[in-house]
Amino acid sequence: MMKAKASLMLVSAMTAGSLLSGCVVEPAPPQQPAPVAEVMPPPPATGYRWVKGHYRWEGNHWQWVPGHWRPV
């Protein structure tokens, strides 16, 4: 009797969970804007290379990350 009651509760919970769950489809982010034209400054010292700027998705908009010099 106890086993049947537990099975019925489990089936009821699984049925309720599947009926009440929904499928949320997140809309696609807007298209990435055109790259920003950057003027590459002279390197701070030898042994550095230029990393071009790029856009990064910030939850609800594209954020420009400027280029920078990085040690090799």
PDB file of N, CA and C in Angstrom:
ATOM      1  N   MET A   1       0.833  -1.191   0.000  1.00  0.00           N
ATOM      2  CA  MET A   1       0.000   0.000   0.000  1.00  0.00           C
ATOM      3  C   MET A   1       0.878   1.256   0.000  1.00  0.00           C
ATOM      4  N   MET A   2       1.891   1.242   0.848  1.00  0.00           N
ATOM      5  CA  MET A   2       2.776   2.402   0.956  1.00  0.00           C
ATOM      6  C   MET A   2       3.562   2.595  -0.331  1.00  0.00           C
ATOM      7  N   LYS A   3       3.967   1.469  -0.956  1.00  0.00           N
ATOM      8  CA  LYS A   3       4.730   1.532  -2.195  1.00  0.00           C
ATOM      9  C   LYS A   3       3.866   2.105  -3.319  1.00  0.00           C
ATOM     10  N   ALA A   4       2.612   1.714  -3.371  1.00  0.00           N
ATOM     11  CA  ALA A   4       1.696   2.204  -4.407  1.00  0.00           C
ATOM     12  C   ALA A   4       1.447   3.696  -4.223  1.00  0.00           C
ATOM     13  N   LYS A   5       1.315   4.130  -2.983  1.00  0.00           N
ATOM     14  CA  LYS A   5       1.084   5.548  -2.694  1.00  0.00           C
ATOM     15  C   LYS A   5       2.306   6.385  -3.094  1.00  0.00           C
ATOM     16  N   ALA A   6       3.497   5.879  -2.794  1.00  0.00           N
ATOM     17  CA  ALA A   6       4.726   6.585  -3.154  1.00  0.00           C
ATOM     18  C   ALA A   6       4.878   6.645  -4.668  1.00  0.00           C
ATOM     19  N   SER A   7       4.549   5.550  -5.348  1.00  0.00           N
ATOM     20  CA  SER A   7       4.625   5.532  -6.813  1.00  0.00           C
ATOM     21  C   SER A   7       3.641   6.522  -7.414  1.00  0.00           C
ATOM     22  N   LEU A   8       2.436   6.574  -6.879  1.00  0.00           N
ATOM     23  CA  LEU A   8       1.423   7.509  -7.371  1.00  0.00           C
ATOM     24  C   LEU A   8       1.870   8.953  -7.156  1.00  0.00           C
ATOM     25  N   MET A   9       2.458   9.239  -6.006  1.00  0.00           N
ATOM     26  CA  MET A   9       2.944  10.596  -5.742  1.00  0.00           C
ATOM     27  C   MET A   9       4.083  10.957  -6.691  1.00  0.00           C
ATOM     28  N   LEU A  10       4.979  10.012  -6.956  1.00  0.00           N
ATOM     29  CA  LEU A  10       6.094  10.253  -7.861  1.00  0.00           C
ATOM     30  C   LEU A  10       5.595  10.514  -9.277  1.00  0.00           C
ATOM     31  N   VAL A  11       4.670   9.695  -9.744  1.00  0.00           N
ATOM     32  CA  VAL A  11       4.113   9.884 -11.087  1.00  0.00           C
ATOM     33  C   VAL A  11       3.371  11.212 -11.160  1.00  0.00           C
ATOM     34  N   SER A  12       2.629  11.561 -10.125  1.00  0.00           N
ATOM     35  CA  SER A  12       1.902  12.836 -10.097  1.00  0.00           C
ATOM     36  C   SER A  12       2.868  14.015 -10.140  1.00  0.00           C
ATOM     37  N   ALA A  13       3.938  13.938  -9.380  1.00  0.00           N
ATOM     38  CA  ALA A  13       4.921  15.023  -9.362  1.00  0.00           C
ATOM     39  C   ALA A  13       5.607  15.152 -10.712  1.00  0.00           C
ATOM     40  N   MET A  14       5.952  14.030 -11.325  1.00  0.00           N
ATOM     41  CA  MET A  14       6.601  14.082 -12.637  1.00  0.00           C
ATOM     42  C   MET A  14       5.648  14.633 -13.698  1.00  0.00           C
ATOM     43  N   THR A  15       4.385  14.240 -13.635  1.00  0.00           N
ATOM     44  CA  THR A  15       3.399  14.740 -14.595  1.00  0.00           C
ATOM     45  C   THR A  15       3.201  16.239 -14.416  1.00  0.00           C
ATOM     46  N   ALA A  16       3.055  16.679 -13.183  1.00  0.00           N
ATOM     47  CA  ALA A  16       2.879  18.116 -12.924  1.00  0.00           C
ATOM     48  C   ALA A  16       4.108  18.893 -13.371  1.00  0.00           C
ATOM     49  N   GLY A  17       5.282  18.362 -13.107  1.00  0.00           N
ATOM     50  CA  GLY A  17       6.510  19.037 -13.519  1.00  0.00           C
ATOM     51  C   GLY A  17       6.618  19.170 -15.021  1.00  0.00           C
ATOM     52  N   SER A  18       6.256  18.126 -15.738  1.00  0.00           N
ATOM     53  CA  SER A  18       6.355  18.197 -17.198  1.00  0.00           C
ATOM     54  C   SER A  18       5.273  19.091 -17.785  1.00  0.00           C
ATOM     55  N   LEU A  19       4.092  19.126 -17.182  1.00  0.00           N
ATOM     56  CA  LEU A  19       3.017  19.977 -17.697  1.00  0.00           C
ATOM     57  C   LEU A  19       3.251  21.450 -17.385  1.00  0.00           C
ATOM     58  N   LEU A  20       3.881  21.731 -16.259  1.00  0.00           N
ATOM     59  CA  LEU A  20       4.080  23.117 -15.851  1.00  0.00           C
ATOM     60  C   LEU A  20       5.381  23.717 -16.365  1.00  0.00           C
ATOM     61  N   SER A  21       6.255  22.878 -16.894  1.00  0.00           N
ATOM     62  CA  SER A  21       7.510  23.422 -17.420  1.00  0.00           C
ATOM     63  C   SER A  21       7.251  24.022 -18.791  1.00  0.00           C
ATOM     64  N   GLY A  22       7.982  25.076 -19.079  1.00  0.00           N
ATOM     65  CA  GLY A  22       7.819  25.737 -20.371  1.00  0.00           C
ATOM     66  C   GLY A  22       9.144  25.811 -21.090  1.00  0.00           C
ATOM     67  N   CYS A  23       9.068  26.102 -22.344  1.00  0.00           N
ATOM     68  CA  CYS A  23      10.267  26.253 -23.159  1.00  0.00           C
ATOM     69  C   CYS A  23      10.424  27.732 -23.474  1.00  0.00           C
ATOM     70  N   VAL A  24      11.492  28.330 -22.990  1.00  0.00           N
ATOM     71  CA  VAL A  24      11.745  29.745 -23.231  1.00  0.00           C
ATOM     72  C   VAL A  24      12.785  29.853 -24.337  1.00  0.00           C
ATOM     73  N   VAL A  25      12.412  30.545 -25.405  1.00  0.00           N
ATOM     74  CA  VAL A  25      13.335  30.751 -26.516  1.00  0.00           C
ATOM     75  C   VAL A  25      13.801  32.192 -26.467  1.00  0.00           C
ATOM     76  N   GLU A  26      15.089  32.381 -26.214  1.00  0.00           N
ATOM     77  CA  GLU A  26      15.645  33.730 -26.132  1.00  0.00           C
ATOM     78  C   GLU A  26      15.844  34.271 -27.542  1.00  0.00           C
ATOM     79  N   PRO A  27      15.430  35.518 -27.779  1.00  0.00           N
ATOM     80  CA  PRO A  27      15.621  36.074 -29.124  1.00  0.00           C
ATOM     81  C   PRO A  27      17.105  36.240 -29.449  1.00  0.00           C
ATOM     82  N   ALA A  28      17.408  36.176 -30.724  1.00  0.00           N
ATOM     83  CA  ALA A  28      18.799  36.328 -31.162  1.00  0.00           C
ATOM     84  C   ALA A  28      19.260  37.757 -30.902  1.00  0.00           C
ATOM     85  N   PRO A  29      20.534  37.952 -30.534  1.00  0.00           N
ATOM     86  CA  PRO A  29      21.029  39.318 -30.315  1.00  0.00           C
ATOM     87  C   PRO A  29      21.057  40.088 -31.632  1.00  0.00           C
ATOM     88  N   PRO A  30      20.984  41.416 -31.562  1.00  0.00           N
ATOM     89  CA  PRO A  30      21.063  42.200 -32.791  1.00  0.00           C
ATOM     90  C   PRO A  30      22.411  41.992 -33.474  1.00  0.00           C
ATOM     91  N   GLN A  31      22.414  42.260 -34.767  1.00  0.00           N
ATOM     92  CA  GLN A  31      23.640  42.063 -35.538  1.00  0.00           C
ATOM     93  C   GLN A  31      24.752  42.956 -34.999  1.00  0.00           C
ATOM     94  N   GLN A  32      25.951  42.434 -35.034  1.00  0.00           N
ATOM     95  CA  GLN A  32      27.116  43.170 -34.537  1.00  0.00           C
ATOM     96  C   GLN A  32      27.373  44.394 -35.420  1.00  0.00           C
ATOM     97  N   PRO A  33      27.616  45.573 -34.817  1.00  0.00           N
ATOM     98  CA  PRO A  33      27.909  46.768 -35.606  1.00  0.00           C
ATOM     99  C   PRO A  33      29.235  46.629 -36.361  1.00  0.00           C
ATOM    100  N   ALA A  34      29.445  47.560 -37.283  1.00  0.00           N
ATOM    101  CA  ALA A  34      30.701  47.571 -38.039  1.00  0.00           C
ATOM    102  C   ALA A  34      31.859  47.879 -37.089  1.00  0.00           C
ATOM    103  N   PRO A  35      33.038  47.330 -37.360  1.00  0.00           N
ATOM    104  CA  PRO A  35      34.189  47.606 -36.493  1.00  0.00           C
ATOM    105  C   PRO A  35      34.525  49.100 -36.462  1.00  0.00           C
ATOM    106  N   VAL A  36      35.017  49.547 -35.339  1.00  0.00           N
ATOM    107  CA  VAL A  36      35.422  50.939 -35.167  1.00  0.00           C
ATOM    108  C   VAL A  36      36.828  51.090 -35.744  1.00  0.00           C
ATOM    109  N   ALA A  37      37.028  52.166 -36.513  1.00  0.00           N
ATOM    110  CA  ALA A  37      38.363  52.424 -37.070  1.00  0.00           C
ATOM    111  C   ALA A  37      39.260  52.924 -35.945  1.00  0.00           C
ATOM    112  N   GLU A  38      40.337  52.216 -35.699  1.00  0.00           N
ATOM    113  CA  GLU A  38      41.261  52.587 -34.628  1.00  0.00           C
ATOM    114  C   GLU A  38      42.593  53.038 -35.218  1.00  0.00           C
ATOM    115  N   VAL A  39      43.180  54.027 -34.586  1.00  0.00           N
ATOM    116  CA  VAL A  39      44.530  54.454 -34.948  1.00  0.00           C
ATOM    117  C   VAL A  39      45.473  53.738 -33.987  1.00  0.00           C
ATOM    118  N   MET A  40      46.375  52.943 -34.545  1.00  0.00           N
ATOM    119  CA  MET A  40      47.286  52.167 -33.717  1.00  0.00           C
ATOM    120  C   MET A  40      48.424  53.074 -33.247  1.00  0.00           C
ATOM    121  N   PRO A  41      48.508  53.347 -31.933  1.00  0.00           N
ATOM    122  CA  PRO A  41      49.606  54.179 -31.429  1.00  0.00           C
ATOM    123  C   PRO A  41      50.925  53.408 -31.495  1.00  0.00           C
ATOM    124  N   PRO A  42      52.032  54.106 -31.359  1.00  0.00           N
ATOM    125  CA  PRO A  42      53.315  53.399 -31.376  1.00  0.00           C
ATOM    126  C   PRO A  42      53.420  52.454 -30.175  1.00  0.00           C
ATOM    127  N   PRO A  43      54.156  51.363 -30.329  1.00  0.00           N
ATOM    128  CA  PRO A  43      54.277  50.411 -29.217  1.00  0.00           C
ATOM    129  C   PRO A  43      54.997  51.036 -28.031  1.00  0.00           C
ATOM    130  N   PRO A  44      54.650  50.615 -26.820  1.00  0.00           N
ATOM    131  CA  PRO A  44      55.300  51.164 -25.634  1.00  0.00           C
ATOM    132  C   PRO A  44      56.770  50.757 -25.534  1.00  0.00           C
ATOM    133  N   ALA A  45      57.111  49.613 -26.091  1.00  0.00           N
ATOM    134  CA  ALA A  45      58.498  49.111 -26.076  1.00  0.00           C
ATOM    135  C   ALA A  45      58.586  47.972 -27.079  1.00  0.00           C
ATOM    136  N   THR A  46      59.781  47.500 -27.321  1.00  0.00           N
ATOM    137  CA  THR A  46      59.915  46.339 -28.200  1.00  0.00           C
ATOM    138  C   THR A  46      59.358  45.115 -27.484  1.00  0.00           C
ATOM    139  N   GLY A  47      58.896  44.144 -28.250  1.00  0.00           N
ATOM    140  CA  GLY A  47      58.349  42.931 -27.647  1.00  0.00           C
ATOM    141  C   GLY A  47      56.862  43.020 -27.370  1.00  0.00           C
ATOM    142  N   TYR A  48      56.167  43.968 -27.976  1.00  0.00           N
ATOM    143  CA  TYR A  48      54.720  44.093 -27.819  1.00  0.00           C
ATOM    144  C   TYR A  48      54.062  43.892 -29.170  1.00  0.00           C
ATOM    145  N   ARG A  49      52.843  43.341 -29.160  1.00  0.00           N
ATOM    146  CA  ARG A  49      52.087  43.224 -30.402  1.00  0.00           C
ATOM    147  C   ARG A  49      50.707  43.836 -30.194  1.00  0.00           C
ATOM    148  N   TRP A  50      50.118  44.329 -31.282  1.00  0.00           N
ATOM    149  CA  TRP A  50      48.827  45.013 -31.231  1.00  0.00           C
ATOM    150  C   TRP A  50      47.692  43.995 -31.277  1.00  0.00           C
ATOM    151  N   VAL A  51      46.762  44.101 -30.351  1.00  0.00           N
ATOM    152  CA  VAL A  51      45.550  43.283 -30.331  1.00  0.00           C
ATOM    153  C   VAL A  51      44.421  44.193 -30.797  1.00  0.00           C
ATOM    154  N   LYS A  52      43.793  43.844 -31.942  1.00  0.00           N
ATOM    155  CA  LYS A  52      42.742  44.689 -32.505  1.00  0.00           C
ATOM    156  C   LYS A  52      41.536  44.744 -31.572  1.00  0.00           C
ATOM    157  N   GLY A  53      40.817  45.854 -31.638  1.00  0.00           N
ATOM    158  CA  GLY A  53      39.595  45.992 -30.866  1.00  0.00           C
ATOM    159  C   GLY A  53      38.503  45.079 -31.410  1.00  0.00           C
ATOM    160  N   HIS A  54      37.507  44.817 -30.588  1.00  0.00           N
ATOM    161  CA  HIS A  54      36.404  43.944 -30.998  1.00  0.00           C
ATOM    162  C   HIS A  54      35.163  44.276 -30.179  1.00  0.00           C
ATOM    163  N   TYR A  55      34.026  43.783 -30.633  1.00  0.00           N
ATOM    164  CA  TYR A  55      32.782  43.944 -29.890  1.00  0.00           C
ATOM    165  C   TYR A  55      32.582  42.745 -28.975  1.00  0.00           C
ATOM    166  N   ARG A  56      32.044  43.012 -27.772  1.00  0.00           N
ATOM    167  CA  ARG A  56      31.712  41.967 -26.809  1.00  0.00           C
ATOM    168  C   ARG A  56      30.231  42.129 -26.451  1.00  0.00           C
ATOM    169  N   TRP A  57      29.504  41.030 -26.394  1.00  0.00           N
ATOM    170  CA  TRP A  57      28.088  41.065 -26.037  1.00  0.00           C
ATOM    171  C   TRP A  57      27.961  41.268 -24.532  1.00  0.00           C
ATOM    172  N   GLU A  58      27.250  42.322 -24.130  1.00  0.00           N
ATOM    173  CA  GLU A  58      27.116  42.678 -22.712  1.00  0.00           C
ATOM    174  C   GLU A  58      25.689  42.469 -22.212  1.00  0.00           C
ATOM    175  N   GLY A  59      25.102  41.332 -22.500  1.00  0.00           N
ATOM    176  CA  GLY A  59      23.776  41.019 -21.982  1.00  0.00           C
ATOM    177  C   GLY A  59      22.642  41.516 -22.851  1.00  0.00           C
ATOM    178  N   ASN A  60      22.647  42.807 -23.218  1.00  0.00           N
ATOM    179  CA  ASN A  60      21.574  43.343 -24.059  1.00  0.00           C
ATOM    180  C   ASN A  60      22.080  44.316 -25.118  1.00  0.00           C
ATOM    181  N   HIS A  61      23.384  44.460 -25.261  1.00  0.00           N
ATOM    182  CA  HIS A  61      23.937  45.347 -26.294  1.00  0.00           C
ATOM    183  C   HIS A  61      25.387  44.954 -26.587  1.00  0.00           C
ATOM    184  N   TRP A  62      25.888  45.416 -27.725  1.00  0.00           N
ATOM    185  CA  TRP A  62      27.288  45.191 -28.095  1.00  0.00           C
ATOM    186  C   TRP A  62      28.138  46.305 -27.506  1.00  0.00           C
ATOM    187  N   GLN A  63      29.224  45.955 -26.854  1.00  0.00           N
ATOM    188  CA  GLN A  63      30.136  46.920 -26.243  1.00  0.00           C
ATOM    189  C   GLN A  63      31.482  46.823 -26.950  1.00  0.00           C
ATOM    190  N   TRP A  64      32.012  47.970 -27.413  1.00  0.00           N
ATOM    191  CA  TRP A  64      33.305  47.979 -28.092  1.00  0.00           C
ATOM    192  C   TRP A  64      34.430  47.865 -27.075  1.00  0.00           C
ATOM    193  N   VAL A  65      35.339  46.939 -27.297  1.00  0.00           N
ATOM    194  CA  VAL A  65      36.544  46.776 -26.478  1.00  0.00           C
ATOM    195  C   VAL A  65      37.695  47.303 -27.325  1.00  0.00           C
ATOM    196  N   PRO A  66      38.323  48.410 -26.929  1.00  0.00           N
ATOM    197  CA  PRO A  66      39.366  49.000 -27.768  1.00  0.00           C
ATOM    198  C   PRO A  66      40.610  48.113 -27.872  1.00  0.00           C
ATOM    199  N   GLY A  67      41.354  48.334 -28.958  1.00  0.00           N
ATOM    200  CA  GLY A  67      42.606  47.606 -29.157  1.00  0.00           C
ATOM    201  C   GLY A  67      43.647  48.035 -28.129  1.00  0.00           C
ATOM    202  N   HIS A  68      44.651  47.185 -27.940  1.00  0.00           N
ATOM    203  CA  HIS A  68      45.685  47.495 -26.952  1.00  0.00           C
ATOM    204  C   HIS A  68      46.968  46.737 -27.299  1.00  0.00           C
ATOM    205  N   TRP A  69      48.042  47.176 -26.696  1.00  0.00           N
ATOM    206  CA  TRP A  69      49.330  46.503 -26.868  1.00  0.00           C
ATOM    207  C   TRP A  69      49.462  45.411 -25.821  1.00  0.00           C
ATOM    208  N   ARG A  70      49.951  44.249 -26.237  1.00  0.00           N
ATOM    209  CA  ARG A  70      50.134  43.121 -25.324  1.00  0.00           C
ATOM    210  C   ARG A  70      51.562  42.600 -25.470  1.00  0.00           C
ATOM    211  N   PRO A  71      52.224  42.302 -24.344  1.00  0.00           N
ATOM    212  CA  PRO A  71      53.578  41.741 -24.439  1.00  0.00           C
ATOM    213  C   PRO A  71      53.542  40.377 -25.131  1.00  0.00           C
ATOM    214  N   VAL A  72      54.566  40.124 -25.916  1.00  0.00           N
ATOM    215  CA  VAL A  72      54.629  38.844 -26.653  1.00  0.00           C
ATOM    216  C   VAL A  72      55.127  37.745 -25.754  1.00  0.00           C
TER     217      VAL A  72
END
